Each structure stands twice: as structure tokens, then as C-alpha cells.
N, C-alpha and C. Protein backbone atom coordinates (compact mmCIF):
# COMPACT_ATOMS: atom_id res chain seq x y z
N MET A 1 -13.06 -47.46 33.11
CA MET A 1 -14.02 -49.18 33.76
C MET A 1 -13.60 -49.10 35.75
N SER A 2 -12.54 -48.00 35.75
CA SER A 2 -12.80 -48.01 37.26
C SER A 2 -13.55 -47.46 37.68
N SER A 3 -14.63 -46.78 37.46
CA SER A 3 -15.32 -45.73 37.92
C SER A 3 -16.93 -47.36 37.63
N GLU A 4 -16.65 -48.19 37.08
CA GLU A 4 -17.59 -48.70 36.88
C GLU A 4 -17.73 -50.05 37.62
N THR A 5 -16.34 -50.41 38.07
CA THR A 5 -16.49 -51.55 38.83
C THR A 5 -15.33 -51.54 40.34
N PHE A 6 -15.22 -52.74 40.97
CA PHE A 6 -14.22 -52.34 41.92
C PHE A 6 -13.19 -53.79 42.22
N HIS A 7 -11.99 -53.69 42.66
CA HIS A 7 -10.67 -54.30 41.87
C HIS A 7 -11.40 -55.81 42.93
N GLU A 8 -12.13 -55.87 43.99
CA GLU A 8 -12.91 -56.94 44.69
C GLU A 8 -14.25 -56.56 44.76
N ALA A 9 -15.37 -57.56 44.96
CA ALA A 9 -16.48 -57.80 44.77
C ALA A 9 -16.92 -56.67 46.17
N ALA A 10 -18.00 -56.53 46.06
CA ALA A 10 -18.30 -55.08 46.40
C ALA A 10 -19.52 -55.46 47.65
N ASP A 11 -19.24 -56.71 47.78
CA ASP A 11 -20.28 -57.02 48.84
C ASP A 11 -19.42 -57.21 49.99
N LEU A 12 -17.72 -57.93 49.72
CA LEU A 12 -16.78 -58.01 50.38
C LEU A 12 -16.20 -56.44 51.28
N LEU A 13 -16.89 -55.32 50.24
CA LEU A 13 -16.01 -53.82 50.66
C LEU A 13 -17.12 -52.73 51.68
N SER A 14 -16.33 -52.23 52.60
CA SER A 14 -17.55 -51.22 53.64
C SER A 14 -18.06 -50.44 52.75
N PRO A 15 -19.09 -49.75 53.02
CA PRO A 15 -19.83 -48.41 52.43
C PRO A 15 -18.62 -47.53 52.33
N ALA A 16 -17.86 -47.04 53.37
CA ALA A 16 -16.79 -46.19 53.60
C ALA A 16 -15.29 -47.09 52.82
N THR A 17 -15.25 -47.84 52.08
CA THR A 17 -13.60 -48.54 50.99
C THR A 17 -15.12 -47.70 49.61
N GLN A 18 -16.19 -48.16 49.85
CA GLN A 18 -16.53 -48.05 48.39
C GLN A 18 -16.92 -46.38 48.07
N ASP A 19 -17.21 -45.67 49.26
CA ASP A 19 -16.95 -44.42 48.74
C ASP A 19 -15.52 -43.69 48.75
N MET A 20 -14.95 -44.33 49.33
CA MET A 20 -13.41 -43.86 49.30
C MET A 20 -12.83 -43.87 47.28
N HIS A 21 -13.37 -45.51 46.76
CA HIS A 21 -13.18 -45.59 45.44
C HIS A 21 -13.31 -44.75 44.48
N ARG A 22 -15.11 -44.80 44.65
CA ARG A 22 -15.61 -43.31 43.77
C ARG A 22 -14.70 -42.16 44.10
N ALA A 23 -14.71 -41.94 45.36
CA ALA A 23 -13.88 -40.03 44.91
C ALA A 23 -12.38 -40.68 44.44
N LEU A 24 -11.36 -41.56 44.81
CA LEU A 24 -10.05 -41.32 43.96
C LEU A 24 -10.91 -41.84 42.73
N VAL A 25 -11.07 -42.46 42.15
CA VAL A 25 -12.03 -42.63 40.81
C VAL A 25 -12.09 -40.83 40.46
N SER A 26 -13.04 -40.08 40.44
CA SER A 26 -13.52 -39.13 40.36
C SER A 26 -12.41 -38.22 40.36
N LEU A 27 -11.30 -38.21 41.83
CA LEU A 27 -9.98 -37.25 41.33
C LEU A 27 -9.04 -37.82 40.32
N GLY A 28 -9.05 -38.72 39.65
CA GLY A 28 -8.11 -38.94 38.72
C GLY A 28 -9.10 -38.72 37.75
N GLU A 29 -10.80 -38.33 37.55
CA GLU A 29 -11.15 -38.19 35.49
C GLU A 29 -11.27 -36.24 36.57
N GLU A 30 -11.13 -36.10 37.25
CA GLU A 30 -11.13 -34.64 37.14
C GLU A 30 -9.88 -34.05 36.54
N LEU A 31 -8.44 -34.61 37.39
CA LEU A 31 -7.22 -34.54 37.01
C LEU A 31 -7.01 -34.53 35.58
N GLU A 32 -7.40 -35.97 34.84
CA GLU A 32 -7.47 -35.95 33.13
C GLU A 32 -8.17 -34.93 32.85
N ALA A 33 -9.31 -34.53 33.33
CA ALA A 33 -10.38 -33.26 32.77
C ALA A 33 -9.35 -32.11 32.27
N VAL A 34 -8.50 -31.68 33.41
CA VAL A 34 -7.60 -30.70 33.59
C VAL A 34 -6.70 -30.55 32.42
N ASP A 35 -5.95 -31.61 32.15
CA ASP A 35 -5.24 -32.51 31.45
C ASP A 35 -5.78 -32.04 29.80
N TRP A 36 -6.91 -32.26 29.68
CA TRP A 36 -7.28 -32.57 28.34
C TRP A 36 -7.78 -30.76 27.70
N TYR A 37 -8.41 -30.06 29.12
CA TYR A 37 -8.87 -29.19 28.24
C TYR A 37 -7.43 -28.21 28.12
N ALA A 38 -6.09 -28.08 29.49
CA ALA A 38 -5.15 -27.33 28.90
C ALA A 38 -4.34 -27.80 27.63
N GLN A 39 -4.41 -28.79 27.15
CA GLN A 39 -3.82 -29.52 25.86
C GLN A 39 -4.55 -28.76 24.43
N ARG A 40 -6.08 -28.73 25.22
CA ARG A 40 -6.80 -27.59 23.81
C ARG A 40 -6.80 -26.38 23.86
N ALA A 41 -6.75 -25.59 25.19
CA ALA A 41 -6.84 -24.46 24.72
C ALA A 41 -4.98 -24.14 24.52
N GLU A 42 -4.53 -24.72 24.49
CA GLU A 42 -2.85 -24.29 24.43
C GLU A 42 -3.25 -24.58 23.48
N ALA A 43 -3.53 -25.24 22.34
CA ALA A 43 -3.63 -26.29 20.96
C ALA A 43 -4.69 -24.84 20.35
N CYS A 44 -5.59 -23.95 20.46
CA CYS A 44 -6.54 -23.39 19.83
C CYS A 44 -6.05 -22.33 19.19
N THR A 45 -6.94 -22.12 17.77
CA THR A 45 -5.85 -21.08 17.73
C THR A 45 -7.17 -20.18 17.54
N ASP A 46 -8.15 -19.74 18.35
CA ASP A 46 -9.43 -19.05 18.53
C ASP A 46 -9.46 -18.23 19.46
N ASP A 47 -9.05 -16.99 20.62
CA ASP A 47 -9.04 -16.47 21.83
C ASP A 47 -10.18 -16.71 22.57
N ASP A 48 -11.37 -16.26 21.88
CA ASP A 48 -12.64 -17.08 22.51
C ASP A 48 -12.81 -18.17 23.32
N LEU A 49 -12.34 -19.32 21.80
CA LEU A 49 -12.97 -20.27 22.40
C LEU A 49 -11.42 -20.77 23.75
N ARG A 50 -10.30 -20.29 23.40
CA ARG A 50 -8.89 -20.50 24.15
C ARG A 50 -9.70 -19.52 25.67
N ALA A 51 -10.34 -19.01 25.20
CA ALA A 51 -10.48 -18.44 26.80
C ALA A 51 -11.93 -19.50 27.89
N VAL A 52 -12.82 -19.93 27.13
CA VAL A 52 -13.57 -20.94 27.48
C VAL A 52 -12.99 -22.28 28.01
N LEU A 53 -12.08 -22.78 27.46
CA LEU A 53 -11.40 -23.91 27.67
C LEU A 53 -10.32 -23.77 28.89
N VAL A 54 -9.65 -22.99 28.73
CA VAL A 54 -9.09 -22.34 30.48
C VAL A 54 -10.40 -22.17 31.17
N HIS A 55 -11.33 -21.38 31.16
CA HIS A 55 -12.07 -21.34 32.28
C HIS A 55 -12.85 -22.83 32.31
N ASN A 56 -12.89 -23.74 31.32
CA ASN A 56 -13.21 -25.06 32.02
C ASN A 56 -12.64 -25.98 32.63
N LYS A 57 -10.82 -26.03 32.53
CA LYS A 57 -10.40 -26.21 32.61
C LYS A 57 -10.19 -25.68 34.66
N ASN A 58 -9.94 -24.57 34.58
CA ASN A 58 -9.82 -23.89 36.30
C ASN A 58 -11.33 -24.68 37.05
N GLU A 59 -12.00 -24.74 36.26
CA GLU A 59 -13.47 -25.68 36.86
C GLU A 59 -13.05 -26.72 37.42
N GLU A 60 -12.35 -27.48 36.54
CA GLU A 60 -11.88 -29.07 36.89
C GLU A 60 -10.92 -28.98 37.92
N ILE A 61 -10.47 -28.11 37.76
CA ILE A 61 -9.05 -27.74 39.16
C ILE A 61 -9.69 -27.55 40.22
N GLU A 62 -10.82 -26.82 40.38
CA GLU A 62 -11.98 -26.66 41.41
C GLU A 62 -12.65 -27.83 41.85
N HIS A 63 -13.12 -28.62 40.84
CA HIS A 63 -13.93 -30.38 41.70
C HIS A 63 -13.00 -30.76 42.14
N ALA A 64 -11.44 -31.11 41.65
CA ALA A 64 -10.66 -31.75 42.02
C ALA A 64 -10.06 -31.52 43.06
N MET A 65 -10.01 -30.31 43.84
CA MET A 65 -9.55 -29.99 44.80
C MET A 65 -10.73 -29.90 45.91
N MET A 66 -12.36 -30.27 45.63
CA MET A 66 -13.01 -30.58 46.50
C MET A 66 -13.22 -32.07 46.64
N VAL A 67 -12.53 -33.16 45.87
CA VAL A 67 -12.71 -34.06 46.18
C VAL A 67 -11.32 -34.62 46.86
N LEU A 68 -10.24 -33.78 46.56
CA LEU A 68 -9.21 -34.31 47.33
C LEU A 68 -9.62 -33.72 48.82
N GLU A 69 -10.28 -32.59 49.04
CA GLU A 69 -10.28 -32.27 50.25
C GLU A 69 -11.48 -33.60 51.12
N TRP A 70 -12.06 -33.97 50.64
CA TRP A 70 -13.13 -34.68 51.11
C TRP A 70 -12.80 -36.02 50.92
N ILE A 71 -11.34 -36.64 50.62
CA ILE A 71 -10.75 -37.85 51.08
C ILE A 71 -9.61 -37.32 52.44
N ARG A 72 -9.06 -35.73 51.87
CA ARG A 72 -8.35 -35.95 53.52
C ARG A 72 -8.69 -35.66 54.29
N ARG A 73 -10.13 -35.28 54.37
CA ARG A 73 -10.88 -35.22 56.04
C ARG A 73 -11.72 -36.61 55.91
N ARG A 74 -11.62 -37.79 55.55
CA ARG A 74 -12.03 -39.05 55.62
C ARG A 74 -10.44 -40.37 55.81
N SER A 75 -9.53 -39.76 55.09
CA SER A 75 -8.28 -40.85 55.74
C SER A 75 -7.38 -40.22 56.04
N PRO A 76 -6.61 -40.01 57.36
CA PRO A 76 -5.39 -39.62 57.85
C PRO A 76 -4.24 -40.10 57.28
N VAL A 77 -3.78 -40.75 56.72
CA VAL A 77 -2.81 -41.06 56.04
C VAL A 77 -2.46 -39.72 54.62
N PHE A 78 -3.70 -39.49 54.10
CA PHE A 78 -3.93 -38.55 53.16
C PHE A 78 -3.67 -37.09 53.79
N ASP A 79 -3.90 -36.84 54.56
CA ASP A 79 -4.05 -36.01 55.16
C ASP A 79 -3.07 -35.65 56.28
N GLU A 80 -1.75 -36.46 56.70
CA GLU A 80 -0.93 -36.61 57.25
C GLU A 80 0.10 -35.66 55.68
N ASN A 81 -0.55 -36.54 55.14
CA ASN A 81 0.52 -36.45 53.47
C ASN A 81 0.37 -34.86 52.41
N ILE A 82 -0.66 -34.31 52.76
CA ILE A 82 -0.61 -33.21 52.83
C ILE A 82 -0.74 -32.21 53.41
N ARG A 83 -0.55 -32.71 54.76
CA ARG A 83 -0.32 -31.14 55.46
C ARG A 83 1.31 -31.44 55.56
N THR A 84 2.45 -32.56 55.01
CA THR A 84 3.68 -32.69 55.17
C THR A 84 4.25 -32.34 53.64
N TYR A 85 3.63 -32.03 52.84
CA TYR A 85 4.39 -31.57 51.67
C TYR A 85 3.03 -30.31 50.60
N SER A 86 1.86 -29.81 51.59
CA SER A 86 1.50 -28.73 50.53
C SER A 86 2.05 -27.62 51.26
N ARG A 87 2.03 -26.49 50.58
CA ARG A 87 2.33 -24.93 50.84
C ARG A 87 3.84 -24.81 51.01
N THR A 88 5.26 -25.67 50.79
CA THR A 88 6.26 -26.12 51.03
C THR A 88 6.49 -25.45 50.11
N THR A 89 8.48 -25.55 49.85
CA THR A 89 9.47 -24.90 49.22
C THR A 89 10.11 -25.47 49.46
N GLY A 90 10.79 -25.35 48.43
CA GLY A 90 12.60 -26.21 48.47
C GLY A 90 11.92 -27.27 47.15
N PRO A 91 13.18 -28.34 47.45
CA PRO A 91 12.87 -29.64 46.76
C PRO A 91 11.82 -30.23 47.59
N ILE A 92 11.07 -31.32 47.08
CA ILE A 92 9.87 -31.63 47.47
C ILE A 92 10.45 -32.93 47.76
N THR A 93 11.61 -33.42 47.13
CA THR A 93 11.83 -34.81 47.48
C THR A 93 12.76 -34.82 49.09
N SER A 94 13.31 -33.81 49.47
CA SER A 94 13.56 -33.53 50.77
C SER A 94 12.93 -32.88 52.38
N ILE A 95 11.55 -32.92 51.66
CA ILE A 95 10.75 -32.66 52.62
C ILE A 95 10.32 -33.34 53.48
N GLU A 96 10.45 -35.02 53.43
CA GLU A 96 9.97 -35.87 54.21
C GLU A 96 11.60 -36.59 55.01
N LYS A 97 12.75 -35.71 54.71
CA LYS A 97 14.19 -35.68 55.32
C LYS A 97 13.62 -35.16 56.84
N GLY A 98 13.43 -34.27 56.34
CA GLY A 98 13.56 -32.80 57.38
C GLY A 98 12.22 -32.91 58.51
N ALA A 99 11.11 -33.77 58.25
CA ALA A 99 10.03 -33.49 58.62
C ALA A 99 10.17 -34.38 59.95
N THR A 100 9.44 -33.43 60.96
CA THR A 100 9.48 -34.05 62.71
C THR A 100 7.95 -34.95 62.67
N PRO A 101 7.82 -36.12 63.36
CA PRO A 101 6.87 -36.87 63.52
C PRO A 101 5.92 -36.16 64.61
N GLY A 102 4.63 -35.66 64.35
CA GLY A 102 3.57 -35.28 64.35
C GLY A 102 3.53 -33.67 65.42
N ALA A 103 4.69 -33.24 64.56
CA ALA A 103 4.31 -31.72 64.68
C ALA A 103 3.61 -31.35 63.24
N PRO A 104 2.96 -30.22 63.13
CA PRO A 104 2.18 -29.79 62.26
C PRO A 104 2.55 -29.60 60.91
N GLY A 105 2.34 -30.29 59.82
CA GLY A 105 3.20 -30.40 59.05
C GLY A 105 4.49 -31.84 58.64
N GLY A 106 4.56 -32.00 59.76
CA GLY A 106 5.57 -33.09 60.20
C GLY A 106 5.61 -34.61 59.00
N GLY A 107 6.32 -35.21 59.34
CA GLY A 107 6.31 -36.22 58.20
C GLY A 107 5.42 -37.14 59.71
N SER A 108 5.61 -38.87 58.70
CA SER A 108 5.50 -39.67 59.43
C SER A 108 6.69 -41.52 59.96
N GLN A 109 7.77 -40.76 59.81
CA GLN A 109 8.94 -41.96 60.26
C GLN A 109 8.86 -41.48 61.38
N PRO A 110 9.17 -41.85 62.41
CA PRO A 110 9.75 -41.80 63.81
C PRO A 110 11.60 -41.91 63.58
N SER A 111 11.85 -40.82 64.54
CA SER A 111 13.31 -41.08 64.19
C SER A 111 13.90 -41.84 64.48
N GLY A 112 15.37 -42.18 64.57
CA GLY A 112 16.13 -43.03 64.37
C GLY A 112 16.39 -44.22 63.75
N GLY A 113 15.44 -43.63 62.33
CA GLY A 113 15.49 -44.72 61.28
C GLY A 113 14.51 -46.05 61.40
N SER A 114 13.62 -45.85 62.60
CA SER A 114 12.90 -46.86 63.04
C SER A 114 11.88 -46.72 62.12
N LEU A 115 10.94 -47.54 61.94
CA LEU A 115 9.20 -47.90 60.93
C LEU A 115 8.72 -47.24 62.35
N GLY A 116 8.96 -47.60 63.69
CA GLY A 116 8.10 -47.47 64.33
C GLY A 116 7.23 -48.24 64.76
N ILE A 117 7.37 -49.73 64.27
CA ILE A 117 6.29 -51.12 64.29
C ILE A 117 6.58 -51.88 65.61
N GLY A 118 7.71 -51.81 66.27
CA GLY A 118 7.81 -51.87 67.69
C GLY A 118 6.74 -51.05 68.73
N SER A 119 6.89 -49.81 68.42
CA SER A 119 5.90 -49.13 69.12
C SER A 119 3.99 -49.86 68.92
N LEU A 120 4.27 -50.30 67.99
CA LEU A 120 2.69 -50.86 67.82
C LEU A 120 2.36 -51.82 68.79
N LYS A 121 3.56 -52.41 69.09
CA LYS A 121 3.11 -53.84 70.26
C LYS A 121 2.58 -53.97 71.32
N GLY A 122 1.06 -53.95 71.56
CA GLY A 122 0.37 -53.77 72.79
C GLY A 122 -0.94 -52.68 72.51
N ALA A 123 -0.61 -52.47 70.95
CA ALA A 123 -1.43 -51.55 70.64
C ALA A 123 -2.72 -51.23 70.72
N ARG A 124 -3.70 -51.58 70.66
CA ARG A 124 -5.15 -51.95 70.72
C ARG A 124 -5.80 -50.50 70.07
């Protein structure tokens, strides 16, 4: 039902927030479809049908990635996190610890354990 409603009154939300909601819901729907097709293909006993289902699953992955790219282009936080975690190797949970703020693919946490809140004072 999240694709039909907002959690807040739509007239209180900007068009950009409404569009982001639509994109996030669409991404979830595409990923759900990937899961459904993957399960159906694995359980299927007919090779021809399995090939169709795998093809459909791969199309849904393409759709999900297109929506994710739209989200990345409009959200600096998604962009930064995608750059930090995508196309990396090693333990995923260790990536943030080694990230350098401001560097390509770098994390967002300032050095020294600070959350950087003090650096926002006076910023406009």
C-alpha cells in the first residue's frame, strides 16, 4: 500500500519528496519481483520456462538499477554511500572505517570521531 499513500499529507510534501517516495517504492517493488522470479526459476522443473523466468528476473534487476541511479542523482546522501560501498572488495562492514571523508568513494564521517556537527555552526 505504500505505493498508493504517503505517510504524511501529500499537500505537506514537496514534489521532490513525492517523487523520491515514488522512486523508493518502485525500487522495492522491482527488488521484490527479482526475488519472486528467482524463486520461481529455481523451483521450476521445465528448462524453457526457467529460461523465461531468469530472463524476467534479469529485466527486473535492470529496472531496479535504473531507479537506483535516478535516486543517486537526486540524493547526495545516496550518492555518497553508493560511491563508498559500490564496487569494493573485502568485508563490507569494514569499508566505512577505512573511508576518507571527501575522497572519491570516501565515507562521510569526519576524522577524530567527531560527527562534524561543530563544523555546521555558522553554515548557511
